[in-house]
Amino acid sequence: MGVTEMSDTKIDIWMPVYIGDFHKDTTDFTTEMVGAYMLLCLQHWYKGPFKDDAETLARISKLSVGRFRSIREDLLFFFEVIDGRWVHPKLKAEFEKWRKTRESRSNAARKAANAKHAKAKKELQRDPPGLPDDA
C-alpha cells in the first residue's frame, strides 16, 4: 500500500490507541505537545499521511506555525518523512491490519449471503409457492 493510499477505505468511527504505549511515548511531552501529537495521529488515521509542510502541520495540530516549528523535531520522532509526507509507521501497520480484517469479514459475509440465497432459490425451484401438492 502506497504512502497516500491509507485513506482509500473510509474509517471514521474509531482508531486504536494503546494507552500504555501512548503514555510511555509522550511522558516527556508538554500538554501542548501531547495534543498536537494526538491531532496529527487522528488526521493520519482519517486521511492518511500529510505533507511535510509547516503550515499544513501547524493547522492540523492547531498551533501557530512558529509554535509548531519549535516542537516539530519532538513530534517527528514518531513519524517518517516518505515522499514528502509524514507517515506514522505504527498507525499505518494498524490501518493495514484493520483493512485486512474488514475485507476478510466482508468476504465471509458475502459468501454466507450467497449461500443463503442459493439455498432459497433451490427450494423455490423445487416446490414453487402457491401450487397445491397434487398439481
N, C-alpha and C. Protein backbone atom coordinates (compact mmCIF):
# COMPACT_ATOMS: atom_id res chain seq x y z
N MET A 1 0.84 -1.16 0.00
CA MET A 1 0.00 0.00 0.00
C MET A 1 0.89 1.23 0.00
N GLY A 2 0.66 2.16 -0.89
CA GLY A 2 1.48 3.35 -1.04
C GLY A 2 1.27 4.35 0.09
N VAL A 3 2.08 5.38 0.07
CA VAL A 3 2.04 6.38 1.12
C VAL A 3 0.68 7.05 1.23
N THR A 4 0.06 7.40 0.11
CA THR A 4 -1.20 8.14 0.17
C THR A 4 -2.43 7.25 0.09
N GLU A 5 -2.26 5.95 0.01
CA GLU A 5 -3.40 5.05 -0.17
C GLU A 5 -4.08 4.66 1.14
N MET A 6 -3.55 5.10 2.25
CA MET A 6 -4.10 4.66 3.52
C MET A 6 -5.55 5.04 3.69
N SER A 7 -5.95 6.19 3.20
CA SER A 7 -7.31 6.66 3.43
C SER A 7 -8.29 6.21 2.36
N ASP A 8 -7.89 5.30 1.47
CA ASP A 8 -8.80 4.83 0.43
C ASP A 8 -10.03 4.15 1.01
N THR A 9 -9.90 3.54 2.17
CA THR A 9 -11.01 2.89 2.83
C THR A 9 -11.45 3.79 3.96
N LYS A 10 -12.67 4.31 3.88
CA LYS A 10 -13.13 5.27 4.89
C LYS A 10 -13.36 4.60 6.24
N ILE A 11 -12.72 5.15 7.23
CA ILE A 11 -12.94 4.70 8.60
C ILE A 11 -12.90 5.92 9.49
N ASP A 12 -14.01 6.26 10.05
CA ASP A 12 -14.04 7.46 10.86
C ASP A 12 -14.75 7.27 12.20
N ILE A 13 -14.91 6.03 12.60
CA ILE A 13 -15.62 5.81 13.86
C ILE A 13 -14.70 5.34 14.98
N TRP A 14 -13.48 4.94 14.67
CA TRP A 14 -12.58 4.50 15.73
C TRP A 14 -11.14 4.51 15.22
N MET A 15 -10.22 4.51 16.16
CA MET A 15 -8.80 4.38 15.88
C MET A 15 -8.20 3.70 17.11
N PRO A 16 -7.37 2.70 16.92
CA PRO A 16 -6.79 2.04 18.10
C PRO A 16 -5.79 2.96 18.81
N VAL A 17 -5.91 3.06 20.11
CA VAL A 17 -4.95 3.80 20.92
C VAL A 17 -4.51 2.87 22.04
N TYR A 18 -3.26 2.51 22.02
CA TYR A 18 -2.72 1.65 23.07
C TYR A 18 -2.25 2.57 24.20
N ILE A 19 -3.07 2.67 25.22
CA ILE A 19 -2.89 3.66 26.27
C ILE A 19 -1.49 3.59 26.89
N GLY A 20 -1.02 2.40 27.20
CA GLY A 20 0.31 2.26 27.80
C GLY A 20 1.40 2.79 26.89
N ASP A 21 1.35 2.42 25.62
CA ASP A 21 2.34 2.91 24.66
C ASP A 21 2.25 4.41 24.49
N PHE A 22 1.02 4.92 24.38
CA PHE A 22 0.83 6.35 24.19
C PHE A 22 1.40 7.12 25.38
N HIS A 23 1.08 6.67 26.57
CA HIS A 23 1.58 7.34 27.77
C HIS A 23 3.09 7.28 27.84
N LYS A 24 3.65 6.11 27.59
CA LYS A 24 5.11 5.95 27.62
C LYS A 24 5.78 6.84 26.58
N ASP A 25 5.20 6.90 25.38
CA ASP A 25 5.79 7.68 24.30
C ASP A 25 5.72 9.19 24.54
N THR A 26 4.73 9.63 25.30
CA THR A 26 4.53 11.07 25.46
C THR A 26 4.82 11.57 26.87
N THR A 27 5.45 10.75 27.69
CA THR A 27 5.72 11.14 29.09
C THR A 27 6.51 12.44 29.18
N ASP A 28 7.45 12.65 28.29
CA ASP A 28 8.28 13.86 28.34
C ASP A 28 7.67 15.03 27.58
N PHE A 29 6.48 14.87 27.05
CA PHE A 29 5.82 15.92 26.29
C PHE A 29 5.07 16.88 27.22
N THR A 30 4.95 18.10 26.77
CA THR A 30 4.07 19.04 27.44
C THR A 30 2.64 18.72 27.01
N THR A 31 1.67 19.31 27.69
CA THR A 31 0.27 19.11 27.32
C THR A 31 0.05 19.53 25.87
N GLU A 32 0.65 20.64 25.48
CA GLU A 32 0.52 21.13 24.11
C GLU A 32 1.08 20.12 23.10
N MET A 33 2.20 19.53 23.42
CA MET A 33 2.82 18.55 22.53
C MET A 33 1.96 17.28 22.43
N VAL A 34 1.40 16.84 23.56
CA VAL A 34 0.53 15.66 23.54
C VAL A 34 -0.68 15.93 22.65
N GLY A 35 -1.28 17.10 22.80
CA GLY A 35 -2.43 17.46 21.97
C GLY A 35 -2.07 17.51 20.49
N ALA A 36 -0.95 18.12 20.17
CA ALA A 36 -0.52 18.21 18.77
C ALA A 36 -0.27 16.81 18.20
N TYR A 37 0.40 15.96 18.98
CA TYR A 37 0.67 14.60 18.54
C TYR A 37 -0.62 13.82 18.30
N MET A 38 -1.57 13.93 19.22
CA MET A 38 -2.84 13.21 19.06
C MET A 38 -3.59 13.72 17.83
N LEU A 39 -3.62 15.01 17.61
CA LEU A 39 -4.31 15.56 16.44
C LEU A 39 -3.63 15.10 15.14
N LEU A 40 -2.31 15.03 15.13
CA LEU A 40 -1.61 14.52 13.95
C LEU A 40 -1.94 13.04 13.72
N CYS A 41 -2.00 12.27 14.80
CA CYS A 41 -2.35 10.84 14.66
C CYS A 41 -3.78 10.68 14.14
N LEU A 42 -4.71 11.47 14.67
CA LEU A 42 -6.10 11.38 14.21
C LEU A 42 -6.20 11.72 12.73
N GLN A 43 -5.52 12.78 12.31
CA GLN A 43 -5.54 13.19 10.91
C GLN A 43 -4.92 12.10 10.03
N HIS A 44 -3.83 11.52 10.49
CA HIS A 44 -3.15 10.46 9.73
C HIS A 44 -4.09 9.27 9.57
N TRP A 45 -4.78 8.90 10.64
CA TRP A 45 -5.69 7.75 10.58
C TRP A 45 -6.84 8.02 9.62
N TYR A 46 -7.39 9.22 9.71
CA TYR A 46 -8.58 9.57 8.93
C TYR A 46 -8.27 9.85 7.46
N LYS A 47 -7.17 10.54 7.21
CA LYS A 47 -6.89 10.96 5.83
C LYS A 47 -5.58 10.44 5.27
N GLY A 48 -4.80 9.73 6.06
CA GLY A 48 -3.53 9.22 5.58
C GLY A 48 -2.40 10.22 5.79
N PRO A 49 -1.22 9.86 5.32
CA PRO A 49 -0.04 10.72 5.50
C PRO A 49 -0.27 12.14 4.96
N PHE A 50 0.34 13.12 5.63
CA PHE A 50 0.13 14.51 5.24
C PHE A 50 1.45 15.16 4.84
N LYS A 51 1.34 16.26 4.10
CA LYS A 51 2.51 16.96 3.56
C LYS A 51 3.44 17.43 4.66
N ASP A 52 4.73 17.32 4.38
CA ASP A 52 5.75 17.83 5.28
C ASP A 52 5.88 19.33 5.02
N ASP A 53 4.92 20.06 5.54
CA ASP A 53 4.84 21.50 5.32
C ASP A 53 4.42 22.13 6.64
N ALA A 54 5.21 23.07 7.13
CA ALA A 54 4.96 23.65 8.45
C ALA A 54 3.56 24.23 8.57
N GLU A 55 3.06 24.89 7.54
CA GLU A 55 1.72 25.49 7.61
C GLU A 55 0.65 24.42 7.73
N THR A 56 0.78 23.36 6.92
CA THR A 56 -0.19 22.25 6.97
C THR A 56 -0.15 21.57 8.34
N LEU A 57 1.04 21.27 8.80
CA LEU A 57 1.19 20.57 10.08
C LEU A 57 0.73 21.44 11.25
N ALA A 58 1.00 22.73 11.19
CA ALA A 58 0.54 23.64 12.24
C ALA A 58 -0.99 23.70 12.26
N ARG A 59 -1.59 23.75 11.08
CA ARG A 59 -3.06 23.80 11.00
C ARG A 59 -3.67 22.53 11.58
N ILE A 60 -3.11 21.37 11.21
CA ILE A 60 -3.63 20.10 11.72
C ILE A 60 -3.50 20.04 13.24
N SER A 61 -2.35 20.49 13.75
CA SER A 61 -2.10 20.40 15.19
C SER A 61 -2.66 21.60 15.97
N LYS A 62 -3.31 22.52 15.25
CA LYS A 62 -3.97 23.68 15.87
C LYS A 62 -2.98 24.57 16.62
N LEU A 63 -1.81 24.74 16.03
CA LEU A 63 -0.77 25.60 16.60
C LEU A 63 -0.39 26.67 15.60
N SER A 64 0.25 27.72 16.07
CA SER A 64 0.83 28.69 15.14
C SER A 64 2.01 28.02 14.43
N VAL A 65 2.37 28.53 13.29
CA VAL A 65 3.50 27.95 12.55
C VAL A 65 4.77 28.02 13.39
N GLY A 66 4.98 29.15 14.06
CA GLY A 66 6.17 29.29 14.90
C GLY A 66 6.19 28.29 16.04
N ARG A 67 5.05 28.12 16.69
CA ARG A 67 4.98 27.17 17.81
C ARG A 67 5.17 25.74 17.30
N PHE A 68 4.56 25.43 16.14
CA PHE A 68 4.75 24.09 15.60
C PHE A 68 6.22 23.84 15.29
N ARG A 69 6.87 24.81 14.68
CA ARG A 69 8.30 24.63 14.34
C ARG A 69 9.13 24.35 15.58
N SER A 70 8.74 24.91 16.72
CA SER A 70 9.52 24.71 17.94
C SER A 70 9.39 23.29 18.51
N ILE A 71 8.33 22.58 18.15
CA ILE A 71 8.16 21.20 18.66
C ILE A 71 8.22 20.16 17.54
N ARG A 72 8.47 20.60 16.32
CA ARG A 72 8.46 19.72 15.15
C ARG A 72 9.34 18.48 15.34
N GLU A 73 10.57 18.66 15.77
CA GLU A 73 11.50 17.53 15.89
C GLU A 73 11.03 16.52 16.93
N ASP A 74 10.43 17.00 18.02
CA ASP A 74 9.89 16.07 19.02
C ASP A 74 8.78 15.22 18.42
N LEU A 75 7.91 15.85 17.65
CA LEU A 75 6.80 15.13 17.03
C LEU A 75 7.29 14.22 15.91
N LEU A 76 8.26 14.69 15.16
CA LEU A 76 8.78 13.92 14.03
C LEU A 76 9.42 12.61 14.47
N PHE A 77 9.78 12.51 15.73
CA PHE A 77 10.37 11.28 16.27
C PHE A 77 9.47 10.07 15.98
N PHE A 78 8.15 10.29 15.98
CA PHE A 78 7.19 9.19 15.80
C PHE A 78 6.80 8.95 14.34
N PHE A 79 7.25 9.81 13.46
CA PHE A 79 6.89 9.74 12.05
C PHE A 79 8.14 9.55 11.20
N GLU A 80 7.92 9.16 9.96
CA GLU A 80 8.98 9.13 8.95
C GLU A 80 8.51 10.02 7.81
N VAL A 81 9.42 10.77 7.22
CA VAL A 81 9.06 11.56 6.05
C VAL A 81 9.38 10.72 4.83
N ILE A 82 8.34 10.32 4.10
CA ILE A 82 8.47 9.49 2.90
C ILE A 82 7.79 10.22 1.76
N ASP A 83 8.52 10.44 0.70
CA ASP A 83 7.99 11.15 -0.47
C ASP A 83 7.35 12.48 -0.08
N GLY A 84 7.98 13.18 0.86
CA GLY A 84 7.48 14.50 1.25
C GLY A 84 6.24 14.47 2.13
N ARG A 85 5.94 13.32 2.73
CA ARG A 85 4.75 13.20 3.58
C ARG A 85 5.14 12.57 4.91
N TRP A 86 4.47 13.00 5.98
CA TRP A 86 4.67 12.40 7.29
C TRP A 86 3.88 11.10 7.36
N VAL A 87 4.59 10.02 7.64
CA VAL A 87 3.97 8.69 7.76
C VAL A 87 4.24 8.17 9.17
N HIS A 88 3.21 7.69 9.83
CA HIS A 88 3.35 7.11 11.16
C HIS A 88 3.37 5.59 10.98
N PRO A 89 4.53 4.96 11.06
CA PRO A 89 4.63 3.51 10.78
C PRO A 89 3.69 2.64 11.61
N LYS A 90 3.55 2.93 12.90
CA LYS A 90 2.66 2.10 13.74
C LYS A 90 1.21 2.25 13.30
N LEU A 91 0.77 3.48 13.05
CA LEU A 91 -0.61 3.69 12.61
C LEU A 91 -0.86 3.08 11.25
N LYS A 92 0.13 3.18 10.38
CA LYS A 92 -0.02 2.60 9.04
C LYS A 92 -0.18 1.08 9.15
N ALA A 93 0.60 0.45 10.02
CA ALA A 93 0.51 -1.01 10.21
C ALA A 93 -0.85 -1.38 10.81
N GLU A 94 -1.33 -0.60 11.80
CA GLU A 94 -2.65 -0.85 12.39
C GLU A 94 -3.75 -0.69 11.35
N PHE A 95 -3.63 0.32 10.53
CA PHE A 95 -4.63 0.55 9.50
C PHE A 95 -4.68 -0.63 8.52
N GLU A 96 -3.52 -1.11 8.12
CA GLU A 96 -3.46 -2.24 7.18
C GLU A 96 -4.05 -3.49 7.83
N LYS A 97 -3.77 -3.71 9.11
CA LYS A 97 -4.33 -4.85 9.83
C LYS A 97 -5.86 -4.74 9.86
N TRP A 98 -6.36 -3.54 10.17
CA TRP A 98 -7.80 -3.32 10.21
C TRP A 98 -8.42 -3.53 8.84
N ARG A 99 -7.77 -3.02 7.79
CA ARG A 99 -8.30 -3.14 6.43
C ARG A 99 -8.41 -4.61 6.02
N LYS A 100 -7.40 -5.41 6.35
CA LYS A 100 -7.43 -6.83 6.01
C LYS A 100 -8.52 -7.56 6.79
N THR A 101 -8.69 -7.23 8.06
CA THR A 101 -9.74 -7.84 8.87
C THR A 101 -11.11 -7.49 8.31
N ARG A 102 -11.29 -6.22 7.97
CA ARG A 102 -12.58 -5.77 7.41
C ARG A 102 -12.86 -6.47 6.08
N GLU A 103 -11.85 -6.58 5.25
CA GLU A 103 -12.00 -7.25 3.95
C GLU A 103 -12.36 -8.72 4.15
N SER A 104 -11.70 -9.38 5.09
CA SER A 104 -11.96 -10.79 5.37
C SER A 104 -13.40 -10.99 5.87
N ARG A 105 -13.83 -10.13 6.78
CA ARG A 105 -15.19 -10.23 7.31
C ARG A 105 -16.23 -9.95 6.22
N SER A 106 -15.94 -9.00 5.37
CA SER A 106 -16.85 -8.67 4.28
C SER A 106 -16.98 -9.85 3.32
N ASN A 107 -15.85 -10.48 2.99
CA ASN A 107 -15.88 -11.64 2.10
C ASN A 107 -16.65 -12.80 2.73
N ALA A 108 -16.46 -13.02 4.02
CA ALA A 108 -17.18 -14.10 4.71
C ALA A 108 -18.69 -13.83 4.71
N ALA A 109 -19.07 -12.58 4.95
CA ALA A 109 -20.49 -12.22 4.96
C ALA A 109 -21.09 -12.38 3.56
N ARG A 110 -20.35 -11.98 2.54
CA ARG A 110 -20.82 -12.12 1.17
C ARG A 110 -21.01 -13.60 0.81
N LYS A 111 -20.05 -14.42 1.22
CA LYS A 111 -20.13 -15.85 0.95
C LYS A 111 -21.34 -16.48 1.65
N ALA A 112 -21.58 -16.09 2.90
CA ALA A 112 -22.73 -16.61 3.64
C ALA A 112 -24.05 -16.16 3.01
N ALA A 113 -24.11 -14.91 2.60
CA ALA A 113 -25.33 -14.39 1.96
C ALA A 113 -25.59 -15.09 0.63
N ASN A 114 -24.55 -15.31 -0.15
CA ASN A 114 -24.69 -16.02 -1.43
C ASN A 114 -25.19 -17.44 -1.21
N ALA A 115 -24.65 -18.11 -0.19
CA ALA A 115 -25.08 -19.48 0.10
C ALA A 115 -26.55 -19.50 0.54
N LYS A 116 -26.95 -18.53 1.35
CA LYS A 116 -28.33 -18.45 1.81
C LYS A 116 -29.28 -18.22 0.63
N HIS A 117 -28.90 -17.31 -0.26
CA HIS A 117 -29.75 -17.02 -1.42
C HIS A 117 -29.82 -18.21 -2.39
N ALA A 118 -28.70 -18.90 -2.55
CA ALA A 118 -28.68 -20.07 -3.42
C ALA A 118 -29.59 -21.16 -2.86
N LYS A 119 -29.55 -21.35 -1.56
CA LYS A 119 -30.40 -22.36 -0.92
C LYS A 119 -31.89 -22.00 -1.09
N ALA A 120 -32.22 -20.74 -0.87
CA ALA A 120 -33.61 -20.30 -1.01
C ALA A 120 -34.08 -20.45 -2.45
N LYS A 121 -33.23 -20.13 -3.38
CA LYS A 121 -33.58 -20.25 -4.81
C LYS A 121 -33.81 -21.71 -5.18
N LYS A 122 -32.97 -22.58 -4.65
CA LYS A 122 -33.11 -24.01 -4.94
C LYS A 122 -34.42 -24.54 -4.37
N GLU A 123 -34.79 -24.12 -3.17
CA GLU A 123 -36.04 -24.56 -2.56
C GLU A 123 -37.24 -24.05 -3.36
N LEU A 124 -37.18 -22.83 -3.86
CA LEU A 124 -38.27 -22.28 -4.67
C LEU A 124 -38.42 -23.05 -5.99
N GLN A 125 -37.33 -23.44 -6.58
CA GLN A 125 -37.38 -24.18 -7.85
C GLN A 125 -37.94 -25.57 -7.64
N ARG A 126 -37.68 -26.15 -6.49
CA ARG A 126 -38.14 -27.49 -6.20
C ARG A 126 -39.65 -27.51 -5.94
N ASP A 127 -40.14 -26.54 -5.19
CA ASP A 127 -41.55 -26.52 -4.80
C ASP A 127 -42.06 -25.08 -4.85
N PRO A 128 -42.49 -24.61 -6.02
CA PRO A 128 -42.94 -23.21 -6.13
C PRO A 128 -44.09 -22.94 -5.17
N PRO A 129 -44.07 -21.78 -4.55
CA PRO A 129 -45.15 -21.46 -3.60
C PRO A 129 -46.47 -21.24 -4.31
N GLY A 130 -47.57 -21.59 -3.62
CA GLY A 130 -48.89 -21.34 -4.14
C GLY A 130 -49.48 -22.44 -4.98
N LEU A 131 -48.74 -23.48 -5.28
CA LEU A 131 -49.27 -24.58 -6.05
C LEU A 131 -49.67 -25.71 -5.11
N PRO A 132 -50.83 -26.30 -5.35
CA PRO A 132 -51.20 -27.43 -4.49
C PRO A 132 -50.24 -28.59 -4.70
N ASP A 133 -50.16 -29.47 -3.72
CA ASP A 133 -49.23 -30.59 -3.76
C ASP A 133 -49.54 -31.56 -4.91
N ASP A 134 -50.82 -31.64 -5.31
CA ASP A 134 -51.17 -32.63 -6.35
C ASP A 134 -51.23 -31.99 -7.73
N ALA A 135 -50.77 -30.79 -7.89
CA ALA A 135 -50.84 -30.12 -9.19
C ALA A 135 -49.83 -30.65 -10.15
